[in-house]
């Protein structure tokens, strides 16, 4: 089946995210636009206008009432999902790289970049306390002295956050005390993306060291490795099959010197247990920056450096892969 092509951004995609039910797809890019689409037919439902710089991250809470975005304009913003109204503006000293709602949707976290002489911090706000928002004072702020956080997600039940760093380390920070609970270093280069499994027991990382790796969410124990010959920008776990999809490609600056075939701009499918690649899906005209499975597992989306988002519908049992042995 031909993919649905979403054209709503002028610059390269930075993140795509489904809500919990999967009826909505949120997309952000290196332009100030935050788009929301109906995932079933690709119709654009609306746009959240307010950012003045590249938007690096987006998240929706459990019941899709609120949307959270983080941007290079040194702000993290909270939106009403239905009306598009901006509910809160949290200003920072540097770009907001990652953001997310906890399990209950009451606490938000976001991390800032280490730039312009400012340190990398992870900030936690409780939305039930309006004074924190009004005064721009988080109830907890964790400094990251060594290498900046490049990707982060909430762990199971909102008790901790799992953060990937520029140097390849993985840290588990307590959401109550801020202390580092677990620290591992399985990657040799920057971790670009972290995505949890449907039941939150596992998560997959994507790294510039040409691998994606599977970890246990509680212990951060390394389980599996999926190897490619190019940097991996994003990886996602299928909710109902033993499949992992990887998206990546060369660095953007190298793209113009190679053909699309050599550039390897395909979504790549690996078996979760056997670590073997079994399929590729073409389509993008540049590196793939973000991939996400629909919560029902019957489709997945990918967003690329070309500014397009593609929704691929398939039944993995009958899906037509192009694969070169």
Protein backbone atom coordinates (compact mmCIF):
# COMPACT_ATOMS: atom_id res chain seq x y z
CA UNK A 1 0.00 0.00 0.00
CA UNK A 2 1.31 3.44 -0.87
CA UNK A 3 2.30 5.53 2.13
CA UNK A 4 0.42 8.68 3.11
CA UNK A 5 2.67 11.69 2.57
CA UNK A 6 2.36 14.56 5.06
CA UNK A 7 3.66 17.90 3.81
CA UNK A 8 3.44 20.47 6.56
CA UNK A 9 7.01 21.49 7.27
CA UNK A 10 9.51 23.61 5.40
CA UNK A 11 12.61 22.13 7.04
CA UNK A 12 13.87 18.76 8.25
CA UNK A 13 11.77 16.78 10.74
CA UNK A 14 13.14 16.54 14.29
CA UNK A 15 10.53 14.33 16.01
CA UNK A 16 7.20 12.58 15.36
CA UNK A 17 4.99 11.26 18.14
CA UNK A 18 1.64 9.42 18.31
CA UNK A 19 -0.76 10.02 21.15
CA UNK A 20 -1.72 7.03 23.31
CA UNK A 21 -4.81 6.08 21.25
CA UNK A 22 -2.92 6.55 17.99
CA UNK A 23 -5.59 8.68 16.28
CA UNK A 24 -3.31 11.75 16.28
CA UNK A 25 0.23 12.22 15.04
CA UNK A 26 2.30 15.21 16.22
CA UNK A 27 5.22 16.40 14.10
CA UNK A 28 7.91 19.02 14.77
CA UNK A 29 10.82 20.19 12.64
CA UNK A 30 13.65 22.70 12.35
CA UNK A 31 11.00 25.33 11.62
CA UNK A 32 8.79 26.96 14.32
CA UNK A 33 5.71 24.95 13.29
CA UNK A 34 4.09 22.24 15.45
CA UNK A 35 1.58 20.20 13.44
CA UNK A 36 -1.06 17.65 14.49
CA UNK A 37 -2.58 15.23 11.95
CA UNK A 38 -5.27 12.58 11.81
CA UNK A 39 -3.17 9.43 11.51
CA UNK A 40 -5.89 7.49 9.65
CA UNK A 41 -5.93 9.69 6.54
CA UNK A 42 -3.13 12.25 6.93
CA UNK A 43 -5.48 15.24 7.22
CA UNK A 44 -3.93 18.16 9.07
CA UNK A 45 -6.02 18.90 12.14
CA UNK A 46 -4.21 22.01 13.30
CA UNK A 47 -1.03 23.93 14.03
CA UNK A 48 0.35 25.25 17.30
CA UNK A 49 1.84 28.67 16.58
CA UNK A 50 4.14 30.52 18.97
CA UNK A 51 7.69 29.21 18.74
CA UNK A 52 10.29 31.36 17.00
CA UNK A 53 13.00 28.75 16.45
CA UNK A 54 13.51 25.10 15.53
CA UNK A 55 11.31 22.76 17.60
CA UNK A 56 13.31 19.78 18.86
CA UNK A 57 10.75 17.73 20.80
CA UNK A 58 7.04 17.12 21.33
CA UNK A 59 4.90 14.99 23.66
CA UNK A 60 1.20 14.52 24.43
CA UNK A 61 -0.14 13.48 27.83
CA UNK A 62 -2.05 10.29 28.63
CA UNK A 63 -5.52 11.56 27.66
CA UNK A 64 -4.32 13.94 24.91
CA UNK A 65 -5.54 17.09 26.69
CA UNK A 66 -2.18 18.83 26.65
CA UNK A 67 0.79 19.00 24.30
CA UNK A 68 4.35 19.87 25.35
CA UNK A 69 7.01 21.25 22.99
CA UNK A 70 10.64 22.26 23.41
CA UNK A 71 12.47 24.58 21.08
CA UNK A 72 15.76 26.24 20.15
CA UNK A 73 14.09 29.58 20.97
CA UNK A 74 14.99 28.82 24.62
CA UNK A 75 11.49 27.87 25.70
CA UNK A 76 9.30 24.92 26.63
CA UNK A 77 5.59 25.49 25.94
CA UNK A 78 2.41 23.80 27.14
CA UNK A 79 -0.59 23.81 24.80
CA UNK A 80 -4.27 22.92 24.97
CA UNK A 81 -4.46 20.09 22.45
CA UNK A 82 -8.01 20.80 21.28
CA UNK A 83 -7.94 24.59 20.91
CA UNK A 84 -4.24 25.16 20.21
CA UNK A 85 -4.11 27.80 22.95
CA UNK A 86 -0.77 28.27 24.69
CA UNK A 87 -1.25 27.51 28.41
CA UNK A 88 2.27 28.02 29.72
CA UNK A 89 5.60 29.44 28.58
CA UNK A 90 8.70 28.27 30.44
CA UNK A 91 11.78 30.25 29.45
CA UNK A 92 15.26 28.73 29.65
CA UNK A 93 18.84 29.89 29.15
CA UNK A 94 19.53 27.53 26.27
CA UNK A 95 17.69 25.35 23.74
CA UNK A 96 15.24 22.72 25.04
CA UNK A 97 16.32 19.37 23.57
CA UNK A 98 13.94 16.83 25.14
CA UNK A 99 10.59 17.00 26.95
CA UNK A 100 7.89 14.69 28.23
CA UNK A 101 4.85 14.11 30.46
CA UNK A 102 4.98 11.55 33.23
CA UNK A 103 2.57 8.60 33.42
CA UNK A 104 -0.20 10.63 35.08
CA UNK A 105 0.28 13.75 32.96
CA UNK A 106 0.79 15.94 36.05
CA UNK A 107 4.56 16.33 35.98
CA UNK A 108 6.63 17.49 33.03
CA UNK A 109 10.35 17.27 32.52
CA UNK A 110 12.62 18.87 29.94
CA UNK A 111 16.36 19.09 29.38
CA UNK A 112 18.33 22.05 28.08
CA UNK A 113 21.46 22.14 25.95
CA UNK A 114 24.95 22.92 27.13
CA UNK A 115 25.64 26.08 25.11
CA UNK A 116 26.43 29.80 25.35
CA UNK A 117 28.22 29.23 28.65
CA UNK A 118 25.19 27.58 30.26
CA UNK A 119 25.16 24.12 31.75
CA UNK A 120 22.85 21.26 30.75
CA UNK A 121 19.95 20.87 33.20
CA UNK A 122 16.92 18.60 33.58
CA UNK A 123 13.98 20.53 35.06
CA UNK A 124 10.84 19.06 36.67
CA UNK A 125 7.57 21.01 37.02
CA UNK A 126 4.37 19.88 38.75
CA UNK A 127 1.44 21.24 36.70
CA UNK A 128 -0.85 20.98 39.77
CA UNK A 129 1.11 23.81 41.39
CA UNK A 130 0.44 26.98 39.32
CA UNK A 131 3.07 28.95 41.25
CA UNK A 132 5.85 26.79 39.73
CA UNK A 133 4.70 27.74 36.24
CA UNK A 134 4.04 31.40 37.05
CA UNK A 135 7.43 31.88 38.71
CA UNK A 136 9.26 29.62 36.25
CA UNK A 137 10.65 27.75 39.27
CA UNK A 138 10.89 23.95 38.87
CA UNK A 139 10.54 21.82 42.02
CA UNK A 140 13.74 20.04 41.01
CA UNK A 141 16.63 20.83 38.70
CA UNK A 142 19.38 18.28 37.97
CA UNK A 143 22.71 19.56 36.61
CA UNK A 144 24.51 17.40 34.02
CA UNK A 145 28.15 18.36 34.23
CA UNK A 146 29.86 15.86 31.96
CA UNK A 147 28.04 15.54 28.63
CA UNK A 148 24.72 17.04 27.63
CA UNK A 149 21.49 15.06 27.41
CA UNK A 150 20.50 14.39 23.80
CA UNK A 151 17.41 12.21 24.43
CA UNK A 152 15.27 11.39 27.47
CA UNK A 153 12.04 9.55 28.34
CA UNK A 154 10.07 8.85 31.50
CA UNK A 155 10.65 5.41 32.98
CA UNK A 156 7.93 3.01 34.21
CA UNK A 157 5.26 4.61 36.46
CA UNK A 158 7.00 7.99 36.33
CA UNK A 159 9.45 7.09 39.09
CA UNK A 160 12.53 8.02 37.06
CA UNK A 161 13.71 9.36 33.73
CA UNK A 162 16.06 7.54 31.38
CA UNK A 163 18.49 9.91 29.66
CA UNK A 164 20.95 9.35 26.81
CA UNK A 165 24.01 11.57 26.60
CA UNK A 166 26.27 13.06 23.97
CA UNK A 167 29.11 10.79 25.08
CA UNK A 168 27.07 7.57 24.77
CA UNK A 169 26.20 7.12 28.46
CA UNK A 170 22.76 6.13 29.75
CA UNK A 171 21.61 7.47 33.12
CA UNK A 172 18.53 6.72 35.19
CA UNK A 173 17.62 9.75 37.34
CA UNK A 174 15.18 9.54 40.23
CA UNK A 175 12.17 11.85 39.69
CA UNK A 176 11.92 12.34 43.46
CA UNK A 177 15.51 12.99 44.58
CA UNK A 178 17.34 13.69 41.31
CA UNK A 179 20.11 11.24 42.11
CA UNK A 180 21.59 8.91 39.48
CA UNK A 181 20.13 5.45 40.16
CA UNK A 182 21.91 3.56 37.36
CA UNK A 183 24.67 4.52 34.95
CA UNK A 184 25.83 2.43 31.97
CA UNK A 185 27.90 3.11 28.85
CA UNK A 186 27.18 0.69 26.02
CA UNK A 187 27.39 3.20 23.14
CA UNK A 188 30.63 4.80 21.99
CA UNK A 189 29.02 7.91 20.48
CA UNK A 190 26.00 10.18 20.94
CA UNK A 191 22.59 8.64 21.70
CA UNK A 192 20.10 10.25 19.31
CA UNK A 193 16.83 8.67 20.40
CA UNK A 194 15.24 6.56 23.16
CA UNK A 195 11.82 4.88 22.79
CA UNK A 196 10.04 2.60 25.25
CA UNK A 197 8.17 -0.60 24.48
CA UNK A 198 4.38 -0.60 24.83
CA UNK A 199 4.52 -2.15 28.32
CA UNK A 200 7.51 0.04 29.35
CA UNK A 201 9.62 -2.98 30.37
CA UNK A 202 12.22 -2.37 27.63
CA UNK A 203 13.52 0.51 25.59
CA UNK A 204 15.59 0.89 22.43
CA UNK A 205 18.35 3.45 21.84
CA UNK A 206 19.62 4.84 18.53
CA UNK A 207 23.19 6.08 18.31
CA UNK A 208 25.73 7.75 16.05
CA UNK A 209 27.96 4.68 16.57
CA UNK A 210 25.89 2.89 13.84
CA UNK A 211 23.96 0.72 16.29
CA UNK A 212 20.60 0.54 18.05
CA UNK A 213 20.48 -1.35 21.36
CA UNK A 214 17.77 -2.89 23.53
CA UNK A 215 17.84 -2.37 27.31
CA UNK A 216 15.83 -3.37 30.37
CA UNK A 217 13.96 -0.28 31.66
CA UNK A 218 14.54 -0.99 35.35
CA UNK A 219 18.13 -2.23 35.48
CA UNK A 220 19.44 -0.70 32.20
CA UNK A 221 20.86 -4.13 31.43
CA UNK A 222 21.90 -4.42 27.77
CA UNK A 223 19.88 -7.10 25.93
CA UNK A 224 20.34 -6.88 22.13
CA UNK A 225 22.31 -4.94 19.49
CA UNK A 226 21.15 -4.07 15.96
CA UNK A 227 24.10 -3.12 13.73
CA UNK A 228 24.13 -1.00 10.57
CA UNK A 229 26.82 0.76 8.54
CA UNK A 230 25.50 4.28 9.13
CA UNK A 231 24.51 6.51 12.06
CA UNK A 232 21.11 5.57 13.53
CA UNK A 233 18.96 8.63 14.26
CA UNK A 234 15.84 6.91 15.58
CA UNK A 235 14.55 3.45 16.53
CA UNK A 236 11.12 2.16 17.58
CA UNK A 237 9.72 -1.12 18.94
CA UNK A 238 6.61 -2.70 17.45
CA UNK A 239 3.83 -3.07 20.08
CA UNK A 240 2.66 -6.47 18.82
CA UNK A 241 5.46 -8.07 16.79
CA UNK A 242 9.10 -8.87 17.54
CA UNK A 243 10.19 -6.09 15.22
CA UNK A 244 12.42 -3.04 15.53
CA UNK A 245 12.45 -0.30 12.90
CA UNK A 246 15.56 1.87 12.47
CA UNK A 247 15.89 5.18 10.67
CA UNK A 248 19.09 7.03 9.93
CA UNK A 249 21.60 7.82 7.23
CA UNK A 250 24.69 9.87 6.77
CA UNK A 251 25.34 13.22 8.34
CA UNK A 252 23.33 15.89 6.52
CA UNK A 253 26.49 17.60 5.25
CA UNK A 254 27.56 14.43 3.39
CA UNK A 255 24.23 13.84 1.66
CA UNK A 256 24.85 15.93 -1.46
CA UNK A 257 27.95 13.94 -2.36
CA UNK A 258 26.23 10.55 -2.67
CA UNK A 259 23.31 9.08 -4.55
CA UNK A 260 20.14 8.16 -2.67
CA UNK A 261 20.93 4.47 -3.08
CA UNK A 262 24.39 4.70 -1.55
CA UNK A 263 23.07 7.06 1.10
CA UNK A 264 20.86 4.25 2.44
CA UNK A 265 17.79 6.36 3.16
CA UNK A 266 15.49 3.48 4.07
CA UNK A 267 13.56 2.37 7.09
CA UNK A 268 15.25 -0.85 8.18
CA UNK A 269 13.48 -3.67 10.00
CA UNK A 270 15.24 -6.02 12.42
CA UNK A 271 14.00 -9.04 14.35
CA UNK A 272 13.96 -8.24 18.05
CA UNK A 273 15.27 -11.61 19.25
CA UNK A 274 17.60 -12.68 16.43
CA UNK A 275 19.07 -9.20 15.75
CA UNK A 276 18.83 -9.90 11.99
CA UNK A 277 17.69 -7.41 9.37
CA UNK A 278 14.79 -8.75 7.32
CA UNK A 279 13.47 -5.80 5.34
CA UNK A 280 13.85 -2.24 4.09
CA UNK A 281 11.34 0.37 3.00
CA UNK A 282 12.39 3.16 0.65
CA UNK A 283 10.88 6.59 0.25
CA UNK A 284 12.84 9.43 1.80
CA UNK A 285 15.25 11.67 -0.11
CA UNK A 286 17.61 12.17 2.81
CA UNK A 287 18.47 10.78 6.24
CA UNK A 288 15.52 9.65 8.40
CA UNK A 289 15.44 11.60 11.67
CA UNK A 290 12.50 10.05 13.51
CA UNK A 291 10.45 6.84 13.38
CA UNK A 292 7.40 5.82 15.45
CA UNK A 293 5.07 2.82 15.53
CA UNK A 294 1.32 3.34 15.74
CA UNK A 295 0.04 1.98 19.10
CA UNK A 296 -1.92 -0.74 17.27
CA UNK A 297 1.22 -1.89 15.41
CA UNK A 298 -0.50 -1.85 12.02
CA UNK A 299 1.33 1.20 10.73
CA UNK A 300 4.41 3.24 11.41
CA UNK A 301 5.60 6.73 10.49
CA UNK A 302 8.97 8.15 9.52
CA UNK A 303 10.12 11.75 9.21
CA UNK A 304 13.21 12.81 7.33
CA UNK A 305 15.71 15.48 6.48
CA UNK A 306 13.58 16.17 3.38
CA UNK A 307 10.82 17.66 5.59
CA UNK A 308 8.28 14.96 4.74
CA UNK A 309 6.51 12.56 7.08
CA UNK A 310 5.34 9.23 5.66
CA UNK A 311 2.71 6.99 7.25
CA UNK A 312 3.18 3.38 6.11
CA UNK A 313 0.25 1.00 6.60
CA UNK A 314 1.04 -2.68 6.59
CA UNK A 315 0.41 -6.11 7.97
CA UNK A 316 3.90 -7.39 8.78
CA UNK A 317 2.85 -10.90 7.71
CA UNK A 318 2.18 -9.75 4.15
CA UNK A 319 4.28 -6.61 3.98
CA UNK A 320 6.31 -6.20 0.79
CA UNK A 321 9.88 -5.45 1.76
CA UNK A 322 12.69 -4.60 -0.57
CA UNK A 323 15.67 -6.48 0.77
CA UNK A 324 19.11 -7.04 -0.64
CA UNK A 325 21.00 -9.92 0.87
